[in-house]
Structure formats: structure tokens, C-alpha cells
Protein backbone atom coordinates (compact mmCIF):
# COMPACT_ATOMS: atom_id res chain seq x y z
CA UNK A 1 -67.86 -141.14 50.18
CA UNK A 2 -68.96 -144.75 50.30
CA UNK A 3 -67.34 -147.96 51.46
CA UNK A 4 -68.25 -151.48 50.43
CA UNK A 5 -68.22 -154.73 52.35
CA UNK A 6 -65.17 -156.47 50.82
CA UNK A 7 -66.21 -159.88 52.18
CA UNK A 8 -69.26 -161.41 50.53
CA UNK A 9 -69.99 -163.63 53.55
CA UNK A 10 -71.93 -161.59 56.12
CA UNK A 11 -71.15 -164.12 58.84
CA UNK A 12 -67.45 -163.31 58.55
CA UNK A 13 -67.82 -159.53 58.68
CA UNK A 14 -70.87 -158.96 60.80
CA UNK A 15 -72.34 -156.74 58.06
CA UNK A 16 -74.71 -157.70 55.24
CA UNK A 17 -73.07 -158.20 51.84
CA UNK A 18 -73.82 -155.85 48.94
CA UNK A 19 -74.43 -152.85 51.17
CA UNK A 20 -72.81 -149.40 51.18
CA UNK A 21 -71.94 -147.42 54.29
CA UNK A 22 -71.08 -143.68 54.54
CA UNK A 23 -67.48 -142.93 55.54
CA UNK A 24 -64.88 -140.17 55.65
CA UNK A 25 -62.63 -139.55 52.67
CA UNK A 26 -59.43 -141.60 52.50
CA UNK A 27 -60.49 -144.03 55.19
CA UNK A 28 -60.89 -147.79 55.39
CA UNK A 29 -62.91 -149.13 58.29
CA UNK A 30 -61.56 -152.29 59.94
CA UNK A 31 -63.75 -154.75 61.80
CA UNK A 32 -62.76 -157.81 63.76
CA UNK A 33 -64.49 -161.15 63.95
CA UNK A 34 -62.71 -163.82 65.91
CA UNK A 35 -59.00 -163.86 65.12
CA UNK A 36 -59.33 -162.27 61.66
CA UNK A 37 -59.66 -158.61 60.67
CA UNK A 38 -61.79 -157.46 57.77
CA UNK A 39 -61.68 -154.14 55.98
CA UNK A 40 -64.12 -152.07 54.03
CA UNK A 41 -62.71 -149.87 51.30
CA UNK A 42 -63.77 -146.60 49.77
CA UNK A 43 -65.25 -146.60 46.29
CA UNK A 44 -66.57 -143.21 45.24
CA UNK A 45 -68.01 -139.92 46.44
CA UNK A 46 -70.73 -140.11 43.82
CA UNK A 47 -73.71 -142.12 45.03
CA UNK A 48 -75.12 -142.51 41.52
CA UNK A 49 -71.77 -143.75 40.21
CA UNK A 50 -71.69 -146.30 43.02
CA UNK A 51 -75.22 -147.50 42.27
CA UNK A 52 -74.38 -147.81 38.56
CA UNK A 53 -71.81 -150.52 39.26
CA UNK A 54 -73.79 -152.15 42.04
CA UNK A 55 -76.95 -152.49 39.95
CA UNK A 56 -74.98 -154.09 37.11
CA UNK A 57 -73.39 -156.65 39.43
CA UNK A 58 -69.92 -155.60 38.31
CA UNK A 59 -68.51 -155.65 41.84
CA UNK A 60 -68.52 -159.37 42.44
CA UNK A 61 -65.11 -159.35 44.09
CA UNK A 62 -63.81 -156.74 46.46
CA UNK A 63 -60.42 -155.63 47.63
CA UNK A 64 -59.02 -156.49 51.09
CA UNK A 65 -56.53 -153.84 52.22
CA UNK A 66 -54.20 -154.86 55.06
CA UNK A 67 -52.72 -152.21 57.30
CA UNK A 68 -51.65 -151.65 60.91
CA UNK A 69 -54.30 -149.01 61.53
CA UNK A 70 -57.74 -148.34 60.16
CA UNK A 71 -56.55 -145.52 57.89
CA UNK A 72 -55.18 -146.25 54.42
CA UNK A 73 -54.19 -144.19 51.39
CA UNK A 74 -55.21 -145.91 48.18
CA UNK A 75 -53.43 -145.52 44.87
CA UNK A 76 -54.10 -147.15 41.51
CA UNK A 77 -51.24 -149.64 41.74
CA UNK A 78 -52.34 -150.87 45.17
CA UNK A 79 -55.92 -151.05 43.98
CA UNK A 80 -55.17 -153.14 40.89
CA UNK A 81 -52.73 -155.42 42.72
CA UNK A 82 -55.17 -156.15 45.53
CA UNK A 83 -58.05 -156.62 43.12
CA UNK A 84 -56.18 -159.23 41.06
CA UNK A 85 -55.42 -161.20 44.22
CA UNK A 86 -59.08 -161.30 45.24
CA UNK A 87 -60.46 -162.73 42.01
CA UNK A 88 -61.85 -166.24 41.86
CA UNK A 89 -59.34 -168.69 40.41
CA UNK A 90 -59.97 -171.29 37.73
CA UNK A 91 -57.42 -174.10 37.58
CA UNK A 92 -57.64 -176.78 34.88
CA UNK A 93 -55.42 -179.86 34.64
CA UNK A 94 -55.66 -183.36 33.20
CA UNK A 95 -55.06 -186.86 34.52
CA UNK A 96 -53.62 -189.38 32.06
CA UNK A 97 -54.83 -192.97 32.35
CA UNK A 98 -54.17 -196.24 30.53
CA UNK A 99 -57.24 -198.44 30.79
CA UNK A 100 -58.19 -202.00 29.91
CA UNK A 101 -61.86 -201.43 29.11
CA UNK A 102 -64.70 -203.80 29.95
CA UNK A 103 -65.73 -201.90 33.09
CA UNK A 104 -62.21 -201.10 34.24
CA UNK A 105 -62.65 -199.07 37.45
CA UNK A 106 -59.77 -196.76 38.40
CA UNK A 107 -59.50 -194.75 41.62
CA UNK A 108 -58.43 -191.21 40.69
CA UNK A 109 -58.98 -189.60 44.09
CA UNK A 110 -55.23 -189.21 44.86
CA UNK A 111 -54.61 -187.40 41.57
CA UNK A 112 -57.57 -185.05 42.12
CA UNK A 113 -56.39 -184.31 45.66
CA UNK A 114 -52.91 -183.49 44.37
CA UNK A 115 -54.32 -181.03 41.82
CA UNK A 116 -56.48 -179.40 44.50
CA UNK A 117 -53.51 -179.01 46.84
CA UNK A 118 -51.39 -177.50 44.09
CA UNK A 119 -54.14 -175.00 43.23
CA UNK A 120 -54.18 -173.52 46.77
CA UNK A 121 -57.97 -173.06 46.49
CA UNK A 122 -59.52 -172.96 49.97
CA UNK A 123 -63.22 -172.80 49.12
CA UNK A 124 -64.87 -173.65 45.83
CA UNK A 125 -65.80 -176.55 43.60
CA UNK A 126 -63.91 -179.41 41.94
CA UNK A 127 -65.36 -180.77 38.70
CA UNK A 128 -64.06 -183.99 37.17
CA UNK A 129 -65.01 -184.75 33.55
CA UNK A 130 -64.15 -187.54 31.12
CA UNK A 131 -64.29 -186.66 27.41
CA UNK A 132 -65.74 -189.42 25.25
CA UNK A 133 -68.92 -191.47 25.17
CA UNK A 134 -67.69 -194.80 26.59
CA UNK A 135 -66.48 -193.71 30.03
CA UNK A 136 -67.99 -192.39 33.25
CA UNK A 137 -67.09 -190.62 36.48
CA UNK A 138 -68.74 -191.51 39.79
CA UNK A 139 -68.00 -192.12 43.46
CA UNK A 140 -67.89 -195.45 45.23
CA UNK A 141 -66.25 -197.21 48.13
CA UNK A 142 -63.16 -198.57 46.38
CA UNK A 143 -63.40 -202.08 47.81
CA UNK A 144 -63.11 -205.24 45.73
CA UNK A 145 -66.53 -206.60 46.70
CA UNK A 146 -68.38 -203.39 45.86
CA UNK A 147 -66.47 -203.05 42.58
CA UNK A 148 -67.52 -206.55 41.52
CA UNK A 149 -71.10 -205.84 42.58
CA UNK A 150 -71.16 -202.74 40.38
CA UNK A 151 -69.80 -204.65 37.39
CA UNK A 152 -72.41 -207.37 37.90
CA UNK A 153 -75.23 -204.83 38.13
CA UNK A 154 -74.13 -203.07 34.94
CA UNK A 155 -73.91 -206.37 33.09
CA UNK A 156 -77.52 -207.05 34.04
CA UNK A 157 -78.69 -203.57 33.01
CA UNK A 158 -76.77 -203.35 29.72
CA UNK A 159 -75.40 -206.82 28.88
CA UNK A 160 -72.27 -207.02 26.76
CA UNK A 161 -73.39 -210.19 24.94
CA UNK A 162 -76.57 -208.97 23.24
CA UNK A 163 -77.12 -207.14 19.95
CA UNK A 164 -77.14 -203.34 19.86
CA UNK A 165 -78.25 -201.26 16.88
CA UNK A 166 -75.11 -199.17 17.27
CA UNK A 167 -73.05 -202.26 16.37
CA UNK A 168 -74.99 -202.75 13.14
CA UNK A 169 -74.04 -199.28 11.94
CA UNK A 170 -70.39 -199.14 13.01
CA UNK A 171 -69.43 -202.76 13.52
CA UNK A 172 -67.22 -201.98 16.52
CA UNK A 173 -69.11 -204.13 19.02
CA UNK A 174 -69.20 -201.54 21.80
CA UNK A 175 -72.87 -200.61 21.82
CA UNK A 176 -73.11 -201.76 25.44
CA UNK A 177 -70.26 -199.38 26.32
CA UNK A 178 -72.17 -196.33 25.09
CA UNK A 179 -75.35 -197.33 26.91
CA UNK A 180 -73.54 -197.88 30.22
CA UNK A 181 -71.68 -194.59 29.93
CA UNK A 182 -74.90 -192.69 29.22
CA UNK A 183 -76.50 -194.19 32.33
CA UNK A 184 -73.53 -193.40 34.60
CA UNK A 185 -72.77 -189.85 33.30
CA UNK A 186 -69.38 -188.31 32.42
CA UNK A 187 -68.76 -185.88 35.28
CA UNK A 188 -69.29 -184.94 38.91
CA UNK A 189 -68.63 -181.93 41.13
CA UNK A 190 -67.44 -181.93 44.74
CA UNK A 191 -67.56 -178.88 47.04
CA UNK A 192 -64.26 -177.74 48.55
CA UNK A 193 -64.31 -176.34 52.09
CA UNK A 194 -61.16 -175.12 53.86
CA UNK A 195 -58.97 -176.72 51.22
CA UNK A 196 -60.57 -180.17 51.41
CA UNK A 197 -63.05 -182.00 49.23
CA UNK A 198 -66.20 -182.85 51.16
CA UNK A 199 -66.07 -186.56 50.35
CA UNK A 200 -67.27 -189.15 52.84
CA UNK A 201 -64.82 -191.35 54.71
CA UNK A 202 -65.08 -194.25 52.25
CA UNK A 203 -66.12 -192.24 49.20
CA UNK A 204 -63.65 -192.31 46.33
CA UNK A 205 -63.77 -190.67 42.90
CA UNK A 206 -63.42 -193.25 40.14
CA UNK A 207 -63.23 -193.36 36.37
CA UNK A 208 -64.91 -196.32 34.67
CA UNK A 209 -63.93 -197.35 31.15
CA UNK A 210 -66.74 -199.28 29.46
CA UNK A 211 -65.13 -199.68 26.04
CA UNK A 212 -64.26 -203.09 24.60
CA UNK A 213 -60.55 -202.38 24.16
CA UNK A 214 -57.55 -200.77 25.81
CA UNK A 215 -57.67 -196.97 25.79
CA UNK A 216 -55.60 -193.92 26.71
CA UNK A 217 -57.76 -191.42 28.55
CA UNK A 218 -57.31 -187.79 29.56
CA UNK A 219 -59.53 -186.87 32.50
CA UNK A 220 -60.19 -183.14 32.93
CA UNK A 221 -60.10 -181.68 36.45
CA UNK A 222 -61.26 -178.09 36.85
CA UNK A 223 -61.21 -176.22 40.16
CA UNK A 224 -63.18 -173.02 40.69
CA UNK A 225 -62.77 -171.05 43.90
CA UNK A 226 -60.69 -168.73 46.00
């Protein structure tokens, strides 16, 4: 009979991840590390069957079984219920914005934080993405002087008052918007640790609309973690 480390982080369990240990039938072995208890659960009596799943990386998430003692009796319902709770979550929501264009910079950090809190993800990754080719996502200190400095720098790099070949084809006058958006990029990802984004003290997530008219934007926020 074999048991498997149900925590992938070896620092939390004291045992290496992805390693099997012999055990007695019907038994789960508890360990303690600090104030938390961690359990290993039984998988199979067949070593080859165990290796089949392990070699195919099918056991990416493992099942924590809570009990008063170190002995548990597993049944299918308990197994499936615990397994579903241990899977990595993917949460996707949108932020609706009304923008003015012409390098309109909007702080969306509060909305992203609210989505993260609602998701209950403790550790993972937040990705913020803006659909479209005339907007960008970045981080900045949301202070009036820095915001004006960024607008000035972008005007120097991709001026709004010069001719762009894009304008000759479509006649919409927003060639500069596409160039600025391509330089700034449409998304960013922020690690989440203990339920918090690892942003710096003055670092804010912003959406920048480079278009030459008012727009309604839907910003996609996707959270991956557990």
C-alpha cells in the first residue's frame, strides 16, 4: 500500500513532493509542521498502478483528509468531495470602464482587489487583460505628476499630430493609438501570496486608453490559484 504527499510544497510537510511512502492498509499518516497538520493518503496496493499515474503527471492535486486521529477510512464519496475541494480554481470577471481616450489613465487596482477578495484565492496569479488594439495595462504610481510625465513621454515617442500609414487606409486618425498600445502591451500578471497581490507600496494597476474618442471598455481579470 502506498501513500502520497498531499502537499506539493515540501517545506510545509517536511517530505519531498512527488514521492511515495509504504504504509499499512486503511491508514493516513499525519505530520505536523508549526500549527498546521498535514496528511498523506493511501492510493493503491499496486506499485505499477501507482507509477502509471505518477509518470503521466495525472496526480497534480492531492486530497487532504482531516480527522482527529491518524487513522481514516476512505470511501468514494469522501474521496471525490475532498478531491474537488483541492483543485486549482480559475476565476474570471470583467471590469467595465467608460474612457475619454487620448491617453486616459484609469486606476483599476481597487476593482482588481475586490475580485481577488471575492475569489478567496490565497496563493496564485492575477492576470489583467484589455481586449482591443488601442489600450494597454501597466503599473505606475498613480500620482498626477507621474501621469503627466508618462503622457508627455508617449507623445514624444508616438506623436498624435503626425501622419501614420494606418490612417491612410482606414481614415480614422488613430494610428498613434495603435502604436502606443503595441509598445505598452495589453496585459500583466501579479503573483498572489497569502491572499494579497505582491504590488509595491505605490504601485497601482492602470488601464490606459490611447484611442482618439470616448470608448466603453471591458477589462478581463482572471485569477488562477488555490
